[in-house]
Amino acid sequence: MDEIVRWNRNSTALQRLEQALEQERQYAPALRLEAAPLAQFRAAPLPPRVDLLRVCAQHGGQPWAAVYLLNRDGGYDYSTSIAVTRTLYRAQYAPGVAEPVVWDDRWIDEETCALCGVAGIGPVRCGVCRQLVCHGRSTGRYFRCCCGAENWMQNSGLQHPGVIPKLSR
């Protein structure tokens, strides 16, 4: 089809579509269900805070966390970043203390590394050490990891490990 097809008020496809819509309008009141908020269908309430764990490219793989807070629409918004010290790790993030979660890219936003201060849309997964690393040593779309690996960034869906901190429950 090399030419533009203009809209035709009398086209048979349009007439069939209008007939189908008219039939649906006749049956729709009997089948219509009231939409319920998504929160009613959840088995458990969403946590008010989720911390997603990352490492810093400039500071030798030191850990930090991107903090996401629950918004009123039932999604999450990036709030801040915090450095994860040994004391904080033992108090909030250690296995058995915090509840682990795994996220997809749905709510990931621009995050600022708590250690080097470099911002980027989410972290980058290193192809060698498999860590989620900040953009601290990246230039444009070229990524350099704290483990010494470097390569061009590729867009792909990431699984983001995180925790529901003990103090936010």
Foldseek 3Di string as FASTA:
>chain_A
DPDDDDDDPPDPVVVVVVVVVVVCVVCVVVVDDDDDQPQVVDPDQDFQKKWFWAFEQVPLGFIKTFIWGQDPNRDTATDAIGGCDPVNCVQWPDPPQWAKDKDKLPHFQWYAYRPQGDIDRFFAQDPPPRTGYHQNPPDDQWGAGSVGDIDGGDDDMDITMITRTNVRD
